[in-house]
Protein backbone atom coordinates (compact mmCIF):
# COMPACT_ATOMS: atom_id res chain seq x y z
CA MET A 1 -18.43 125.85 21.29
CA ARG A 2 -15.72 126.80 18.55
CA LEU A 3 -13.00 126.10 21.55
CA LEU A 4 -14.79 122.80 22.00
CA LEU A 5 -14.41 121.73 18.51
CA ILE A 6 -11.13 122.79 18.26
CA ALA A 7 -10.04 120.97 21.55
CA LEU A 8 -11.91 117.80 20.06
CA THR A 9 -10.24 117.79 16.73
CA ILE A 10 -6.60 118.32 18.59
CA ALA A 11 -7.87 115.13 21.00
CA LEU A 12 -8.75 113.26 17.67
CA LEU A 13 -5.43 114.07 16.09
CA MET A 14 -3.48 112.90 18.95
CA GLY A 15 -5.06 109.66 19.19
CA CYS A 16 -4.70 108.84 15.48
CA SER A 17 -0.80 109.88 15.85
CA THR A 18 -0.67 107.48 19.10
CA THR A 19 -2.22 104.68 17.06
CA GLU A 20 -0.28 105.26 14.08
CA LYS A 21 2.93 105.11 16.34
CA LYS A 22 1.57 101.73 18.12
CA ALA A 23 1.17 100.09 14.72
CA ASP A 24 4.40 101.16 13.50
CA ALA A 25 5.96 99.64 16.66
CA VAL A 26 4.23 96.42 15.97
CA ASP A 27 5.48 96.11 12.42
CA GLU A 28 9.10 96.86 13.31
CA THR A 29 8.70 94.27 16.07
CA GLU A 30 7.56 91.53 13.68
CA GLN A 31 9.85 92.62 11.01
CA LEU A 32 13.04 92.30 13.52
CA LEU A 33 11.32 88.62 14.17
CA ILE A 34 10.74 87.67 11.05
CA ALA A 35 14.46 88.49 10.31
CA ALA A 36 16.03 86.93 13.10
CA SER A 37 13.92 83.61 12.28
CA GLN A 38 15.06 83.61 8.63
CA LYS A 39 18.71 83.95 9.72
CA VAL A 40 18.37 80.79 12.03
CA VAL A 41 16.37 78.98 9.49
CA GLY A 42 19.20 79.59 7.04
CA ASP A 43 21.99 78.74 9.11
CA PHE A 44 20.21 75.62 10.19
CA SER A 45 19.21 74.66 6.53
CA SER A 46 22.70 75.22 5.37
CA GLU A 47 24.55 73.13 8.03
CA LEU A 48 21.92 70.39 7.56
CA LYS A 49 22.60 70.25 3.83
CA GLN A 50 26.46 70.09 3.95
CA GLU A 51 25.93 67.40 6.68
CA LEU A 52 23.67 65.43 4.24
CA LEU A 53 25.97 65.99 1.09
CA GLY A 54 28.89 64.77 3.15
CA ALA A 55 27.26 61.51 4.16
CA LEU A 56 25.81 61.17 0.38
CA ASN A 57 29.38 61.58 -0.86
CA GLU A 58 30.99 59.28 1.80
CA GLY A 59 28.34 56.38 2.08
CA GLY A 60 25.69 57.05 -0.57
CA PRO A 61 21.85 57.75 0.66
CA ALA A 62 21.60 54.88 3.29
CA ASN A 63 24.48 56.89 5.21
CA ALA A 64 22.67 60.13 4.57
CA ILE A 65 19.57 58.64 7.19
CA ALA A 66 21.95 58.59 10.01
CA VAL A 67 22.17 62.13 9.45
CA CYS A 68 18.75 62.99 9.79
CA GLU A 69 17.87 60.23 12.58
CA THR A 70 21.13 61.48 15.04
CA LYS A 71 22.59 64.79 13.50
CA ALA A 72 19.87 67.01 12.47
CA PRO A 73 18.14 67.21 16.18
CA LEU A 74 21.70 68.03 17.25
CA ILE A 75 22.11 70.74 14.53
CA ALA A 76 18.54 72.02 15.73
CA ALA A 77 19.63 72.20 19.38
CA ALA A 78 22.80 74.09 18.57
CA HIS A 79 20.55 76.72 16.47
CA SER A 80 18.08 77.06 19.11
CA GLU A 81 19.86 80.13 20.39
CA SER A 82 18.87 80.13 24.13
CA GLU A 83 15.76 78.85 26.23
CA PHE A 84 13.78 81.47 24.63
CA LEU A 85 14.24 80.78 20.86
CA SER A 86 14.35 77.16 19.39
CA ILE A 87 14.00 75.86 15.65
CA ASN A 88 12.66 72.36 14.66
CA ARG A 89 11.53 70.69 11.54
CA ILE A 90 8.02 69.77 11.67
CA THR A 91 5.41 67.66 9.00
CA ASP A 92 2.20 66.27 8.36
CA ARG A 93 3.87 62.95 6.98
CA ASN A 94 6.44 62.19 9.58
CA ARG A 95 9.41 59.76 9.35
CA ASN A 96 10.74 60.64 12.89
CA PRO A 97 7.67 60.56 15.35
CA LYS A 98 9.57 63.64 17.00
CA ASN A 99 8.86 65.80 13.83
CA LEU A 100 5.11 65.25 13.48
CA ALA A 101 2.98 68.37 13.92
CA ASP A 102 0.71 68.90 16.27
CA SER A 103 -2.87 69.95 15.86
CA THR A 104 -2.46 73.84 15.75
CA GLN A 105 0.79 73.19 13.73
CA MET A 106 -1.04 70.90 11.47
CA GLU A 107 -3.68 73.36 10.49
CA VAL A 108 -0.59 75.95 9.29
CA LEU A 109 1.10 72.80 7.46
CA THR A 110 -2.21 71.95 5.57
CA LYS A 111 -3.15 75.65 4.49
CA MET A 112 0.71 75.82 3.23
CA SER A 113 0.52 72.38 1.42
CA LEU A 114 -2.70 73.65 -0.40
CA ASP A 115 -0.95 76.84 -1.68
CA SER A 116 2.39 76.36 -3.14
CA THR A 117 2.45 80.29 -2.95
CA ILE A 118 2.58 80.58 0.65
CA ASN A 119 6.22 79.80 1.54
CA GLU A 120 6.13 81.79 5.01
CA GLN A 121 3.43 82.13 7.98
CA HIS A 122 3.87 83.77 11.14
CA PHE A 123 1.81 84.12 14.42
CA TRP A 124 1.62 85.60 17.79
CA ALA A 125 -0.22 83.29 20.89
CA ASP A 126 -0.31 84.76 24.38
CA THR A 127 1.23 82.94 27.11
CA GLU A 128 1.82 83.28 30.84
CA THR A 129 4.82 85.09 30.66
CA GLY A 130 4.34 87.28 27.87
CA ARG A 131 3.82 85.97 23.95
CA LYS A 132 5.17 83.66 21.67
CA PHE A 133 5.99 84.48 17.98
CA SER A 134 5.95 81.39 15.71
CA TYR A 135 7.39 81.44 12.40
CA TYR A 136 7.05 78.73 9.70
CA LYS A 137 9.20 78.37 6.76
CA ALA A 138 7.75 75.69 4.04
CA ILE A 139 10.09 72.70 3.21
CA ARG A 140 9.53 71.76 -0.76
CA VAL A 141 11.04 68.56 -2.10
CA ASN A 142 13.79 68.62 -4.30
CA ALA A 143 15.30 65.96 -6.95
CA LEU A 144 18.51 64.97 -3.76
CA CYS A 145 15.20 64.49 -1.23
CA LEU A 146 13.95 61.67 -3.79
CA LYS A 147 16.67 59.35 -2.92
CA CYS A 148 15.23 58.79 0.50
CA HIS A 149 11.73 60.05 0.10
CA GLY A 150 10.79 59.16 -3.74
CA LYS A 151 8.62 56.77 -5.10
CA THR A 152 8.97 53.44 -3.20
CA GLU A 153 10.06 51.59 -6.02
CA ASP A 154 12.55 53.95 -7.36
CA ILE A 155 14.32 54.08 -3.86
CA ASP A 156 17.80 52.07 -3.44
CA PRO A 157 16.75 48.48 -1.81
CA SER A 158 19.77 49.32 0.64
CA VAL A 159 17.96 52.38 1.36
CA ARG A 160 14.57 51.07 1.94
CA GLU A 161 16.11 48.29 4.24
CA GLU A 162 17.75 50.87 6.26
CA LEU A 163 14.45 52.79 6.73
CA VAL A 164 12.35 50.12 7.63
CA ASN A 165 15.00 49.29 10.01
CA SER A 166 15.39 52.66 11.46
CA TYR A 167 11.50 54.07 10.93
CA PRO A 168 9.27 51.11 11.06
CA GLY A 169 6.30 53.58 10.94
CA ASP A 170 7.90 55.56 8.00
CA ARG A 171 5.50 57.82 5.91
CA ALA A 172 7.68 60.30 4.29
CA VAL A 173 7.95 58.54 0.84
CA GLU A 174 6.12 58.79 -2.54
CA TYR A 175 6.91 62.43 -2.92
CA GLU A 176 7.83 64.13 -6.37
CA VAL A 177 10.11 67.11 -6.88
CA GLY A 178 8.06 70.36 -5.54
CA ASP A 179 5.76 68.78 -3.19
CA PHE A 180 5.05 69.98 0.14
CA ARG A 181 7.32 68.22 2.65
CA GLY A 182 6.88 70.33 5.88
CA ALA A 183 8.29 73.27 7.42
CA PHE A 184 11.07 74.82 9.60
CA LEU A 185 9.31 75.91 12.69
CA VAL A 186 11.08 78.91 14.69
CA GLU A 187 9.64 79.75 18.00
CA ILE A 188 10.31 82.89 19.99
CA ASP A 189 9.37 83.88 23.35
CA TRP A 190 8.93 87.64 23.38
CA PRO A 191 10.03 89.99 25.36
CA GLN A 192 12.31 87.53 26.72
CA GLY A 193 13.93 86.58 23.49
CA GLU A 194 14.81 90.06 22.81
CA GLU A 195 18.52 90.21 23.33
CA ILE A 196 19.36 86.89 21.23
CA VAL A 197 16.74 88.65 18.46
CA GLN A 198 19.04 91.74 18.07
CA GLN A 199 22.40 89.94 18.51
CA LEU A 200 20.94 87.64 15.62
CA THR A 201 19.54 90.88 13.37
CA THR A 202 22.56 92.84 14.07
CA THR A 203 25.54 90.03 13.54
CA GLU A 204 27.13 90.58 9.93
CA ASN A 205 26.93 86.99 7.64
């Protein structure tokens, strides 16, 4: 009986150890994916901001609209590192129809919009070939954004005219500083995207 109790104790301890190792492995994977996602978001948002500031300096807010319409998708494509990693901007109040969140994404955006302390969210989903990791980074309105996204009566008439011409169904106005605007969404297929994730997290800034 004593030998049996010892054997059972050892088995339980080994089982706990294995469980802890698996949990640690999951945590390490998530940390790696979060770090890679943060880097992609940082690189994308930095480049987009530079383009917007350049357009503003050259031709004012009306000129910046073209950046969001034509250059932003190209920048997003450039930072979608492979077929297994992509980045996009999504919103619940779209200007460009292509940026409108789907029903699943909308649930996440709603939660983030209702709680200003939530700036990041991440989730796993099973797929036919593995799993997909989705990372959301909140976008909140700053003073610069108001030139094209602020109160309608405060937006320059030339900008309003350009918005009507480019986006007849525009819903991305009437914001104030600090308002929730949407999110950057990074999606990574796992384990197919492991190589590019490793490259992103080991590349020096």
